[in-house]
Amino acid sequence: MGFSGAGKSTIAKKIASHFHFTVLDTDKMLEEKYRISVFDIFEKYGEEVFRKLEYDTLVEALQQENVVIATGGGTPCFFDAMKLINEAAFSIYIEMAQKSLTQRLLHAKVTRPLTKNKTEEELFSYTTEQLALREPFYKQAHFTIKGENFKLSKLITNH
């Protein structure tokens, strides 16, 4: 888990590969199940509908075995998701500096619904505001790792 642009999907793939597990990306699962993009769900139905679908997808993912789950950035912060995650799995918060997140979001290949059409200054303000709201949830994770220059070997040997 971590903020948008923290590298959740990339790091999940590395961890899953090491343990010969399957990667489940909750955003991709949701898009496949409902045959609509996360972006379009936000645009057509709003954040409230998206968060409910996202939560249901998380519950489904947590029932699987031998998987590494990459959550959406906001997933742990709604309903009782963080509690569910910690009861069912080992959770890892991928922490990144605001400046790094801002740069990644500014240059992202995929447009994210909550950051579209924002300038660099607006993105920095957005990450500042959202991290203040989300970090209390993220910090409940069993482990915290730095997203910048992530090395799987460091995670494996330290945890």
Protein backbone atom coordinates (compact mmCIF):
# COMPACT_ATOMS: atom_id res chain seq x y z
CA MET A 1 0.00 0.00 0.00
CA GLY A 2 1.00 3.59 -0.47
CA PHE A 3 0.16 6.79 -2.26
CA SER A 4 -0.51 6.95 -6.00
CA GLY A 5 2.82 6.77 -7.82
CA ALA A 6 4.69 5.11 -4.94
CA GLY A 7 5.44 2.01 -7.01
CA LYS A 8 2.96 -0.41 -5.45
CA SER A 9 2.37 -2.47 -8.60
CA THR A 10 6.07 -2.64 -9.50
CA ILE A 11 7.17 -3.62 -6.01
CA ALA A 12 4.31 -6.15 -5.71
CA LYS A 13 5.57 -7.85 -8.90
CA LYS A 14 9.10 -8.10 -7.47
CA ILE A 15 7.91 -9.55 -4.16
CA ALA A 16 5.54 -11.99 -5.88
CA SER A 17 8.25 -13.16 -8.25
CA HIS A 18 10.62 -13.83 -5.37
CA PHE A 19 8.07 -15.98 -3.52
CA HIS A 20 6.52 -17.50 -6.68
CA PHE A 21 3.18 -15.91 -5.78
CA THR A 22 0.59 -14.31 -8.03
CA VAL A 23 0.15 -10.54 -8.11
CA LEU A 24 -3.33 -9.16 -7.62
CA ASP A 25 -3.72 -5.48 -8.41
CA THR A 26 -7.06 -4.37 -6.98
CA ASP A 27 -7.51 -1.65 -9.60
CA LYS A 28 -6.96 -4.16 -12.42
CA MET A 29 -9.24 -6.71 -10.75
CA LEU A 30 -11.97 -4.09 -10.47
CA GLU A 31 -11.55 -3.01 -14.10
CA GLU A 32 -11.71 -6.60 -15.34
CA LYS A 33 -14.71 -7.53 -13.20
CA TYR A 34 -16.81 -4.48 -14.11
CA ARG A 35 -15.32 -3.91 -17.58
CA ILE A 36 -14.76 -0.23 -16.96
CA SER A 37 -11.61 1.73 -16.11
CA VAL A 38 -11.03 3.23 -12.67
CA PHE A 39 -10.85 6.61 -14.38
CA ASP A 40 -14.29 6.10 -16.00
CA ILE A 41 -15.86 4.89 -12.74
CA PHE A 42 -14.77 8.14 -11.10
CA GLU A 43 -15.97 10.19 -14.06
CA LYS A 44 -19.38 8.48 -14.46
CA TYR A 45 -20.30 7.37 -10.94
CA GLY A 46 -18.13 9.35 -8.54
CA GLU A 47 -15.69 8.49 -5.79
CA GLU A 48 -18.28 7.04 -3.39
CA VAL A 49 -19.32 4.30 -5.84
CA PHE A 50 -15.68 3.64 -6.69
CA ARG A 51 -14.70 3.22 -3.02
CA LYS A 52 -17.47 0.66 -2.45
CA LEU A 53 -16.45 -1.36 -5.54
CA GLU A 54 -12.80 -1.04 -4.48
CA TYR A 55 -13.60 -2.35 -0.99
CA ASP A 56 -15.54 -5.33 -2.38
CA THR A 57 -12.58 -6.09 -4.67
CA LEU A 58 -10.18 -5.93 -1.71
CA VAL A 59 -12.32 -8.40 0.25
CA GLU A 60 -12.23 -10.76 -2.75
CA ALA A 61 -8.45 -10.40 -3.11
CA LEU A 62 -7.83 -11.06 0.58
CA GLN A 63 -9.59 -14.42 0.28
CA GLN A 64 -6.93 -15.67 -2.14
CA GLU A 65 -3.83 -17.60 -1.07
CA ASN A 66 -0.22 -17.20 -2.21
CA VAL A 67 -0.77 -13.73 -3.58
CA VAL A 68 0.78 -10.30 -3.25
CA ILE A 69 -1.89 -7.62 -3.42
CA ALA A 70 -1.20 -4.14 -4.75
CA THR A 71 -3.97 -1.90 -3.46
CA GLY A 72 -5.14 1.38 -4.87
CA GLY A 73 -3.70 4.38 -3.08
CA GLY A 74 -6.87 5.10 -1.14
CA THR A 75 -7.97 1.52 -0.52
CA PRO A 76 -6.68 1.21 3.08
CA CYS A 77 -8.29 4.52 4.05
CA PHE A 78 -11.96 3.68 3.62
CA PHE A 79 -14.41 1.56 5.58
CA ASP A 80 -12.52 -0.96 7.75
CA ALA A 81 -10.08 -1.86 4.98
CA MET A 82 -6.88 -1.36 6.98
CA LYS A 83 -8.15 -3.60 9.76
CA LEU A 84 -9.12 -6.27 7.21
CA ILE A 85 -5.75 -6.06 5.49
CA ASN A 86 -3.80 -6.42 8.73
CA GLU A 87 -5.92 -9.33 9.93
CA ALA A 88 -5.60 -11.26 6.67
CA ALA A 89 -2.09 -10.43 5.47
CA PHE A 90 1.32 -8.92 6.11
CA SER A 91 0.99 -5.30 5.08
CA ILE A 92 3.74 -3.11 3.67
CA TYR A 93 3.55 0.66 3.37
CA ILE A 94 5.66 2.00 0.51
CA GLU A 95 6.61 5.42 1.79
CA MET A 96 7.89 8.14 -0.51
CA ALA A 97 8.79 11.79 -0.11
CA GLN A 98 6.17 14.24 -1.34
CA LYS A 99 8.58 15.70 -3.88
CA SER A 100 9.18 12.21 -5.37
CA LEU A 101 5.45 11.47 -5.48
CA THR A 102 4.73 14.81 -7.12
CA GLN A 103 7.33 14.18 -9.83
CA ARG A 104 6.09 10.64 -10.48
CA LEU A 105 2.48 11.80 -10.74
CA LEU A 106 3.44 14.73 -12.95
CA HIS A 107 5.19 12.41 -15.41
CA ALA A 108 2.91 9.36 -15.06
CA LYS A 109 1.99 7.47 -18.21
CA VAL A 110 -1.46 6.69 -16.79
CA THR A 111 -3.76 9.54 -15.83
CA ARG A 112 -5.12 9.07 -12.32
CA PRO A 113 -8.64 10.34 -11.63
CA LEU A 114 -7.74 12.44 -8.59
CA THR A 115 -4.65 14.06 -10.12
CA LYS A 116 -5.70 14.77 -13.71
CA ASN A 117 -5.14 18.27 -15.09
CA LYS A 118 -3.18 19.43 -12.03
CA THR A 119 -0.07 21.62 -12.32
CA GLU A 120 3.10 20.71 -10.43
CA GLU A 121 2.19 23.13 -7.64
CA GLU A 122 -1.36 21.75 -7.45
CA LEU A 123 -0.01 18.19 -7.35
CA PHE A 124 2.35 19.06 -4.52
CA SER A 125 -0.51 20.65 -2.57
CA TYR A 126 -2.72 17.64 -3.31
CA THR A 127 -0.09 15.13 -2.12
CA THR A 128 0.52 17.23 1.02
CA GLU A 129 -3.18 17.31 1.85
CA GLN A 130 -3.89 13.67 0.97
CA LEU A 131 -0.82 12.25 2.72
CA ALA A 132 -1.92 14.02 5.91
CA LEU A 133 -5.25 12.19 5.64
CA ARG A 134 -3.92 8.82 4.46
CA GLU A 135 -0.70 8.32 6.40
CA PRO A 136 -2.48 7.49 9.67
CA PHE A 137 -3.89 4.46 7.81
CA TYR A 138 -0.70 3.60 5.92
CA LYS A 139 1.33 3.80 9.14
CA GLN A 140 -0.75 0.95 10.58
CA ALA A 141 0.99 -1.42 8.14
CA HIS A 142 3.16 -4.16 9.60
CA PHE A 143 6.20 -2.86 7.68
CA THR A 144 7.24 0.45 6.15
CA ILE A 145 9.77 0.60 3.32
CA LYS A 146 11.15 3.47 1.28
CA GLY A 147 9.86 3.55 -2.30
CA GLU A 148 12.80 5.49 -3.67
CA ASN A 149 15.55 3.12 -4.85
CA PHE A 150 13.67 0.05 -3.59
CA LYS A 151 15.77 -3.12 -3.35
CA LEU A 152 13.99 -6.42 -2.77
CA SER A 153 17.06 -7.91 -1.12
CA LYS A 154 16.95 -5.19 1.54
CA LEU A 155 13.28 -5.93 2.27
CA ILE A 156 13.86 -9.69 2.48
CA THR A 157 16.91 -9.46 4.78
CA ASN A 158 15.46 -6.76 7.05
CA HIS A 159 12.04 -8.32 7.55
